Amino acid sequence: QMCIRDRSTWGLTTKSESSFNFRTPNQNPKFFKLTKSCSVNQKADDTRDLILLENKVTSTGLNTTNISDIVPVASAVDTGPDSVNLFNIRVEGNDPDSRFIIEKNDFSAHPHLYKLVPSCPKDDQTRQGKGYRLNPRDILRVGDVILEINEWKMNDGKDTKNYFKPVIEREDYESGNSCRFCNNISKDTSEGNEEKMVQLCLCAKEKSVGHLSCLKEVYEKKMNQYALSNVFTTTFNRQFCGECKCELPLTVKLKEKVLEMIKIPRDSLKDGRPYIVFETISNLKHDYKSLYLIWASEKSHTITIGRKKDSNLRILHRSVSREHGEIEYFASCFHIRDFRSKYGTAVQVREPLLVPQGPSSKLNLVCSNVLLRFSLEDIGKKKERGTPVKTTQKD
């Protein structure tokens, strides 16, 4: 059974552009009973309505390539050729041992599908040891703000595990082209050697090259760095090419050597302490970005997230609650949990998910500002449904 919140009763305001509001009263849910494999599509227009489709199951899986093979089940709206497949629901086994699996051939093709992280009240004394375990390559959604893990280092006492976000290797050019920043053909480094030109964007060669030291100076002009407890925050202006509109890189790889335009003091951490580096990658209407270096110390293993001044990881965006959540280090890994914030905290879905068994077990997914709630029920039992009540993340 899948519960979809109706768009007309979301109660969205200008405070949030794309997140589901958990504090909006009088929400009218739509219920869909699923007994066979199907797919969930989204109309590629401004309405962004979700359409539940029944598919013919083949030996190779779901056949979604031929529109004529798709029969609308929960909506009479014609999908059209421009509909986008969000995910597929595959049913394995027979009743009562059926398994519902949410999968997609390529999760990166539509990256706006997120799974809600566990939530609890801030004053809950039993919250320690609970939450979602952060993994390399995770992308978090805190309100409307998207955070991507750039670096990840963990130490379980025996082995040290490292992860670094892949960096595109760029070409260096000999002298002959002028730098797009200083307009000079050559520039000497501190060691007295001539600095080579590097391709920085997608423009033609003569327009895209520049000195890395010049690019570093551009980033450092309007950069703010400060440390608060176990978080080191760096805020800077985003730099774009005026012609191809490509964002200029923060990290450049040249012949197996990685060069950073903005220095992060990860090397100053003592005793090889575990740390994570977050980068804001959301398409918010702002001209700045932030890098957050968080680590676990002997005195404190908890990092608060919110809009308050005393928050360790402070995110100044109206979709982020004052006390949004926290990150805690335990069991040799960082875990994140939500404090029942207004717009929630979620992690991007990158692999197939199994709908949990049990009458009280639910799987909550968020796509744009639509909440999808999956729960398994016995088809032979009828469940009475009264007037919908206010939705909370606990429910």
Protein backbone atom coordinates (compact mmCIF):
# COMPACT_ATOMS: atom_id res chain seq x y z
CA GLN A 1 0.00 0.00 0.00
CA MET A 2 1.36 3.40 -0.97
CA CYS A 3 0.25 6.72 0.51
CA ILE A 4 0.77 9.84 -1.63
CA ARG A 5 0.12 13.31 -0.27
CA ASP A 6 -2.11 15.42 -2.49
CA ARG A 7 -0.48 18.49 -4.02
CA SER A 8 -3.52 20.68 -3.36
CA THR A 9 -3.19 20.22 0.40
CA TRP A 10 0.55 20.53 0.84
CA GLY A 11 0.18 24.00 2.30
CA LEU A 12 3.48 25.11 0.80
CA THR A 13 4.55 28.72 1.20
CA THR A 14 7.46 30.71 -0.13
CA LYS A 15 9.59 29.44 2.74
CA SER A 16 10.30 26.15 1.00
CA GLU A 17 10.53 25.46 -2.71
CA SER A 18 10.74 21.69 -2.89
CA SER A 19 10.38 20.04 0.55
CA PHE A 20 7.41 18.33 2.14
CA ASN A 21 6.04 20.29 5.11
CA PHE A 22 5.49 17.95 8.06
CA ARG A 23 3.73 20.64 10.09
CA THR A 24 0.94 21.44 7.62
CA PRO A 25 -2.44 20.44 9.12
CA ASN A 26 -5.42 18.92 7.28
CA GLN A 27 -3.47 16.94 4.73
CA ASN A 28 -5.56 14.63 2.55
CA PRO A 29 -3.60 11.52 1.63
CA LYS A 30 -4.24 9.37 -1.42
CA PHE A 31 -4.00 5.61 -0.90
CA PHE A 32 -3.05 3.08 -3.57
CA LYS A 33 -3.15 -0.66 -3.05
CA LEU A 34 -0.38 -2.49 -4.91
CA THR A 35 -0.46 -6.23 -5.47
CA LYS A 36 1.75 -6.57 -8.55
CA SER A 37 4.81 -4.99 -10.10
CA CYS A 38 4.36 -1.43 -11.29
CA SER A 39 6.23 1.80 -11.88
CA VAL A 40 5.84 5.35 -10.57
CA ASN A 41 6.25 8.10 -13.15
CA GLN A 42 6.23 11.87 -12.97
CA LYS A 43 4.83 14.22 -15.58
CA ALA A 44 7.54 16.35 -17.16
CA ASP A 45 5.62 19.61 -16.85
CA ASP A 46 5.04 22.27 -14.24
CA THR A 47 2.39 20.23 -12.40
CA ARG A 48 4.83 17.40 -11.61
CA ASP A 49 1.93 15.04 -10.86
CA LEU A 50 2.80 11.48 -9.91
CA ILE A 51 1.22 8.71 -11.96
CA LEU A 52 1.02 5.09 -10.90
CA LEU A 53 1.39 2.72 -13.84
CA GLU A 54 0.91 -1.01 -14.19
CA ASN A 55 3.53 -2.74 -16.31
CA LYS A 56 3.82 -6.07 -18.03
CA VAL A 57 6.43 -8.15 -16.27
CA THR A 58 8.93 -9.88 -18.53
CA SER A 59 11.74 -12.28 -17.79
CA THR A 60 14.19 -9.38 -17.86
CA GLY A 61 12.18 -7.21 -15.48
CA LEU A 62 9.80 -4.32 -16.04
CA ASN A 63 9.07 -3.33 -19.63
CA THR A 64 8.77 0.46 -19.59
CA THR A 65 10.09 1.20 -23.07
CA ASN A 66 6.78 0.88 -24.91
CA ILE A 67 4.10 3.37 -23.86
CA SER A 68 1.38 1.20 -25.41
CA ASP A 69 2.18 -1.54 -22.89
CA ILE A 70 1.48 0.81 -19.97
CA VAL A 71 -2.04 0.99 -18.58
CA PRO A 72 -2.89 3.78 -16.08
CA VAL A 73 -4.13 2.39 -12.77
CA ALA A 74 -4.39 5.24 -10.30
CA SER A 75 -4.82 8.15 -12.68
CA ALA A 76 -6.72 8.76 -15.88
CA VAL A 77 -4.20 11.39 -17.01
CA ASP A 78 -2.32 10.53 -20.18
CA THR A 79 1.39 10.21 -19.38
CA GLY A 80 2.69 11.24 -22.77
CA PRO A 81 6.19 10.60 -24.06
CA ASP A 82 7.71 13.21 -21.73
CA SER A 83 6.96 11.43 -18.47
CA VAL A 84 9.92 10.61 -16.26
CA ASN A 85 10.27 7.24 -14.55
CA LEU A 86 11.04 7.79 -10.86
CA PHE A 87 11.35 4.17 -9.77
CA ASN A 88 9.86 0.70 -10.23
CA ILE A 89 8.20 -1.54 -7.64
CA ARG A 90 8.99 -5.19 -8.17
CA VAL A 91 7.05 -7.92 -6.38
CA GLU A 92 8.77 -11.22 -5.63
CA GLY A 93 7.12 -14.35 -4.28
CA ASN A 94 3.50 -15.14 -3.54
CA ASP A 95 1.19 -14.20 -0.69
CA PRO A 96 1.76 -14.12 2.21
CA ASP A 97 5.54 -14.11 1.62
CA SER A 98 5.62 -11.38 -1.04
CA ARG A 99 8.61 -9.03 -1.08
CA PHE A 100 8.24 -5.49 -2.46
CA ILE A 101 11.47 -4.05 -3.83
CA ILE A 102 11.91 -0.45 -4.99
CA GLU A 103 14.47 -0.34 -7.76
CA LYS A 104 15.59 1.61 -10.83
CA ASN A 105 17.94 0.85 -13.68
CA ASP A 106 19.85 4.08 -13.08
CA PHE A 107 19.21 5.97 -9.86
CA SER A 108 21.45 8.83 -11.00
CA ALA A 109 19.12 9.53 -13.96
CA HIS A 110 16.56 11.07 -11.57
CA PRO A 111 18.43 11.99 -8.39
CA HIS A 112 15.48 13.64 -6.60
CA LEU A 113 14.38 10.53 -4.72
CA TYR A 114 15.30 10.60 -1.02
CA LYS A 115 14.70 8.39 2.00
CA LEU A 116 13.85 10.02 5.33
CA VAL A 117 16.36 9.49 8.11
CA PRO A 118 15.16 8.45 11.60
CA SER A 119 13.75 11.27 13.70
CA CYS A 120 13.11 11.81 17.40
CA PRO A 121 12.44 14.69 19.81
CA LYS A 122 15.47 16.61 20.96
CA ASP A 123 14.71 15.86 24.61
CA ASP A 124 14.57 12.10 23.98
CA GLN A 125 17.10 10.58 26.37
CA THR A 126 17.25 7.33 24.41
CA ARG A 127 18.28 8.89 21.08
CA GLN A 128 21.98 8.09 21.57
CA GLY A 129 22.99 5.26 19.30
CA LYS A 130 20.14 5.82 16.84
CA GLY A 131 20.09 7.35 13.38
CA TYR A 132 21.17 6.78 9.79
CA ARG A 133 24.76 5.67 9.28
CA LEU A 134 26.60 7.96 6.87
CA ASN A 135 28.44 6.24 4.03
CA PRO A 136 30.82 7.42 1.33
CA ARG A 137 29.13 9.11 -1.65
CA ASP A 138 26.03 9.93 0.40
CA ILE A 139 24.04 13.02 -0.56
CA LEU A 140 21.92 14.55 2.21
CA ARG A 141 18.95 16.84 1.93
CA VAL A 142 18.57 19.12 4.95
CA GLY A 143 15.42 21.09 4.22
CA ASP A 144 16.07 22.43 0.74
CA VAL A 145 19.86 22.39 1.16
CA ILE A 146 21.75 19.52 -0.51
CA LEU A 147 25.00 18.36 1.13
CA GLU A 148 27.37 15.95 -0.60
CA ILE A 149 30.16 14.03 1.12
CA ASN A 150 33.42 15.04 -0.55
CA GLU A 151 35.78 13.26 1.82
CA TRP A 152 35.25 10.53 4.37
CA LYS A 153 37.77 9.04 6.79
CA MET A 154 36.95 6.47 9.45
CA ASN A 155 39.13 4.55 11.88
CA ASP A 156 37.76 1.50 13.69
CA GLY A 157 40.95 0.93 15.65
CA LYS A 158 42.33 -1.62 13.19
CA ASP A 159 41.95 -0.22 9.69
CA THR A 160 41.61 3.30 8.32
CA LYS A 161 39.11 3.76 5.49
CA ASN A 162 39.33 6.77 3.21
CA TYR A 163 37.10 8.12 0.46
CA PHE A 164 37.74 11.09 -1.81
CA LYS A 165 35.30 12.41 -4.37
CA PRO A 166 36.65 11.67 -7.87
CA VAL A 167 38.22 14.69 -9.56
CA ILE A 168 38.33 15.17 -13.33
CA GLU A 169 41.87 15.27 -14.62
CA ARG A 170 42.56 18.43 -16.58
CA GLU A 171 45.12 19.23 -19.23
CA ASP A 172 47.94 21.69 -18.81
CA TYR A 173 49.13 23.84 -21.69
CA GLU A 174 52.44 25.31 -22.58
CA SER A 175 52.98 29.06 -22.88
CA GLY A 176 51.25 30.85 -25.73
CA ASN A 177 47.78 31.56 -24.35
CA SER A 178 47.01 34.39 -21.95
CA CYS A 179 45.43 33.74 -18.54
CA ARG A 180 41.74 34.60 -18.36
CA PHE A 181 42.33 36.31 -15.00
CA CYS A 182 45.64 38.20 -15.21
CA ASN A 183 45.93 38.31 -19.05
CA ASN A 184 49.59 37.32 -18.76
CA ILE A 185 51.15 34.59 -20.86
CA SER A 186 53.64 33.46 -18.23
CA LYS A 187 53.78 33.64 -14.45
CA ASP A 188 56.55 32.54 -12.09
CA THR A 189 55.78 30.45 -9.00
CA SER A 190 57.31 30.87 -5.56
CA GLU A 191 59.95 28.30 -6.52
CA GLY A 192 60.94 30.35 -9.55
CA ASN A 193 59.43 27.96 -12.09
CA GLU A 194 57.02 29.05 -14.77
CA GLU A 195 53.43 28.16 -13.93
CA LYS A 196 51.56 26.31 -16.67
CA MET A 197 48.11 27.05 -18.00
CA VAL A 198 45.20 24.76 -17.04
CA GLN A 199 41.85 24.30 -18.76
CA LEU A 200 39.16 25.53 -16.35
CA CYS A 201 35.86 25.42 -18.29
CA LEU A 202 34.21 24.15 -21.48
CA CYS A 203 35.07 27.11 -23.68
CA ALA A 204 37.61 27.06 -26.48
CA LYS A 205 41.24 26.57 -25.52
CA GLU A 206 42.25 30.21 -25.85
CA LYS A 207 39.38 31.31 -23.56
CA SER A 208 39.29 28.52 -20.99
CA VAL A 209 42.89 28.44 -19.72
CA GLY A 210 44.21 30.19 -16.63
CA HIS A 211 46.75 30.02 -13.84
CA LEU A 212 45.75 28.00 -10.78
CA SER A 213 47.26 30.62 -8.51
CA CYS A 214 45.04 33.26 -10.14
CA LEU A 215 41.96 31.09 -9.64
CA LYS A 216 42.94 30.58 -6.01
CA GLU A 217 43.22 34.34 -5.52
CA VAL A 218 39.74 34.81 -6.99
CA TYR A 219 38.23 32.36 -4.49
CA GLU A 220 40.09 33.91 -1.56
CA LYS A 221 38.82 37.42 -2.26
CA LYS A 222 35.42 36.78 -0.68
CA MET A 223 36.02 33.81 1.60
CA ASN A 224 35.12 33.41 5.26
CA GLN A 225 36.49 30.66 7.48
CA TYR A 226 35.71 29.97 11.12
CA ALA A 227 35.72 27.07 13.58
CA LEU A 228 33.04 26.22 16.11
CA SER A 229 33.44 23.18 18.33
CA ASN A 230 34.00 20.20 16.01
CA VAL A 231 33.15 21.97 12.75
CA PHE A 232 35.33 24.10 10.48
CA THR A 233 33.20 26.12 8.05
CA THR A 234 34.37 27.76 4.84
CA THR A 235 32.01 30.04 2.91
CA PHE A 236 32.98 31.51 -0.47
CA ASN A 237 31.48 32.88 -3.64
CA ARG A 238 30.81 30.54 -6.54
CA GLN A 239 32.73 31.34 -9.71
CA PHE A 240 31.25 30.78 -13.16
CA CYS A 241 32.47 31.23 -16.70
CA GLY A 242 30.72 34.17 -18.31
CA GLU A 243 30.28 32.41 -21.67
CA CYS A 244 29.66 28.68 -21.12
CA LYS A 245 28.12 29.22 -17.62
CA CYS A 246 30.25 26.36 -16.27
CA GLU A 247 31.20 26.54 -12.59
CA LEU A 248 34.94 26.83 -12.12
CA PRO A 249 36.52 23.93 -10.20
CA LEU A 250 37.46 23.85 -6.52
CA THR A 251 39.88 20.95 -7.02
CA VAL A 252 42.11 20.29 -10.02
CA LYS A 253 43.93 17.06 -10.82
CA LEU A 254 47.14 17.30 -12.83
CA LYS A 255 49.18 14.19 -13.54
CA GLU A 256 47.98 12.25 -10.48
CA LYS A 257 48.43 15.32 -8.27
CA VAL A 258 45.36 16.93 -6.69
CA LEU A 259 45.52 20.69 -6.10
CA GLU A 260 42.96 22.51 -3.95
CA MET A 261 41.89 26.08 -4.57
CA ILE A 262 40.54 26.36 -1.00
CA LYS A 263 42.63 24.84 1.76
CA ILE A 264 40.82 22.71 4.34
CA PRO A 265 42.77 22.13 7.60
CA ARG A 266 42.22 18.38 7.71
CA ASP A 267 45.93 17.76 8.30
CA SER A 268 45.78 19.62 11.62
CA LEU A 269 43.54 16.95 13.17
CA LYS A 270 45.43 14.97 15.79
CA ASP A 271 45.88 11.22 16.03
CA GLY A 272 44.22 10.54 12.68
CA ARG A 273 40.77 11.42 13.95
CA PRO A 274 37.83 10.49 11.71
CA TYR A 275 36.29 13.33 9.72
CA ILE A 276 33.83 14.13 6.94
CA VAL A 277 33.85 17.03 4.47
CA PHE A 278 30.44 18.22 3.24
CA GLU A 279 29.93 20.47 0.23
CA THR A 280 26.69 22.29 -0.62
CA ILE A 281 25.67 21.35 -4.16
CA SER A 282 22.01 22.45 -4.22
CA ASN A 283 20.74 24.69 -7.00
CA LEU A 284 19.54 27.33 -4.58
CA LYS A 285 19.38 30.90 -5.78
CA HIS A 286 22.57 31.91 -4.01
CA ASP A 287 25.98 32.88 -5.31
CA TYR A 288 27.90 31.27 -2.47
CA LYS A 289 28.82 27.76 -1.36
CA SER A 290 30.00 26.22 1.88
CA LEU A 291 32.42 23.49 2.89
CA TYR A 292 31.98 21.85 6.31
CA LEU A 293 34.77 19.84 7.92
CA ILE A 294 33.39 17.86 10.88
CA TRP A 295 35.33 15.53 13.15
CA ALA A 296 35.00 13.61 16.38
CA SER A 297 37.07 14.66 19.40
CA GLU A 298 37.65 13.18 22.81
CA LYS A 299 35.46 15.80 24.50
CA SER A 300 32.53 15.83 22.10
CA HIS A 301 31.10 13.26 19.68
CA THR A 302 27.93 15.20 18.80
CA ILE A 303 27.53 17.95 16.19
CA THR A 304 24.31 19.96 16.15
CA ILE A 305 22.69 21.07 12.88
CA GLY A 306 20.42 24.09 12.58
CA ARG A 307 19.93 27.77 11.93
CA LYS A 308 20.68 28.92 15.49
CA LYS A 309 23.82 30.88 16.22
CA ASP A 310 25.13 28.26 18.61
CA SER A 311 24.66 25.37 16.13
CA ASN A 312 27.92 23.61 15.31
CA LEU A 313 26.98 23.04 11.66
CA ARG A 314 25.06 26.23 10.97
CA ILE A 315 23.08 26.40 7.71
CA LEU A 316 21.56 29.80 7.03
CA HIS A 317 18.54 28.85 4.95
CA ARG A 318 14.87 29.37 5.71
CA SER A 319 14.00 25.71 5.06
CA VAL A 320 16.35 24.63 7.89
CA SER A 321 14.87 24.63 11.39
CA ARG A 322 16.58 26.36 14.29
CA GLU A 323 17.26 22.96 15.86
CA HIS A 324 17.13 20.71 12.82
CA GLY A 325 19.08 17.62 13.89
CA GLU A 326 22.49 16.33 14.90
CA ILE A 327 25.37 14.12 13.79
CA GLU A 328 26.87 11.74 16.34
CA TYR A 329 29.98 9.60 16.13
CA PHE A 330 29.64 6.13 17.62
CA ALA A 331 30.48 2.56 16.58
CA SER A 332 33.36 3.87 14.45
CA CYS A 333 31.07 5.86 12.15
CA PHE A 334 29.04 9.07 11.94
CA HIS A 335 25.25 8.84 12.27
CA ILE A 336 22.67 11.53 11.52
CA ARG A 337 19.17 11.94 12.95
CA ASP A 338 16.43 14.52 12.66
CA PHE A 339 14.74 16.46 15.46
CA ARG A 340 11.29 16.34 13.77
CA SER A 341 12.12 19.44 11.82
CA LYS A 342 9.60 21.23 9.62
CA TYR A 343 11.00 20.07 6.27
CA GLY A 344 12.85 16.96 7.39
CA THR A 345 16.22 15.35 6.65
CA ALA A 346 16.70 12.71 3.97
CA VAL A 347 19.42 10.80 2.13
CA GLN A 348 19.46 10.21 -1.62
CA VAL A 349 18.44 6.72 -2.75
CA ARG A 350 21.29 5.08 -4.68
CA GLU A 351 20.45 1.39 -4.46
CA PRO A 352 17.34 -0.83 -4.37
CA LEU A 353 15.25 -0.70 -1.20
CA LEU A 354 13.20 -3.47 0.41
CA VAL A 355 9.90 -2.45 1.97
CA PRO A 356 10.24 -3.66 5.58
CA GLN A 357 8.04 -6.45 6.90
CA GLY A 358 5.68 -5.98 9.82
CA PRO A 359 2.46 -4.03 10.41
CA SER A 360 4.23 -1.13 12.13
CA SER A 361 7.17 -0.92 9.72
CA LYS A 362 7.07 1.82 7.10
CA LEU A 363 9.34 3.11 4.37
CA ASN A 364 9.14 6.89 3.83
CA LEU A 365 10.42 8.36 0.57
CA VAL A 366 10.40 12.00 -0.49
CA CYS A 367 10.32 13.09 -4.13
CA SER A 368 10.33 16.88 -4.56
CA ASN A 369 7.60 17.88 -2.08
CA VAL A 370 5.65 14.63 -2.29
CA LEU A 371 5.76 12.14 0.59
CA LEU A 372 5.52 8.46 -0.42
CA ARG A 373 4.81 6.09 2.48
CA PHE A 374 5.01 2.33 1.95
CA SER A 375 3.62 -0.24 4.36
CA LEU A 376 2.78 -3.93 4.00
CA GLU A 377 -0.72 -5.02 4.96
CA ASP A 378 -2.61 -8.29 4.74
CA ILE A 379 -4.88 -8.05 1.71
CA GLY A 380 -7.54 -10.05 3.53
CA LYS A 381 -7.87 -7.52 6.33
CA LYS A 382 -9.78 -4.28 5.93
CA LYS A 383 -8.43 -1.25 7.64
CA GLU A 384 -10.81 1.50 8.62
CA ARG A 385 -9.71 4.96 7.62
CA GLY A 386 -11.02 8.03 9.33
CA THR A 387 -10.29 11.70 8.85
CA PRO A 388 -6.59 12.29 8.07
CA VAL A 389 -4.72 13.86 10.92
CA LYS A 390 -1.64 16.02 11.08
CA THR A 391 1.39 14.17 9.78
CA THR A 392 4.62 13.93 11.75
CA GLN A 393 7.82 12.16 10.91
CA LYS A 394 7.21 9.77 13.78
CA ASP A 395 3.93 8.65 12.16
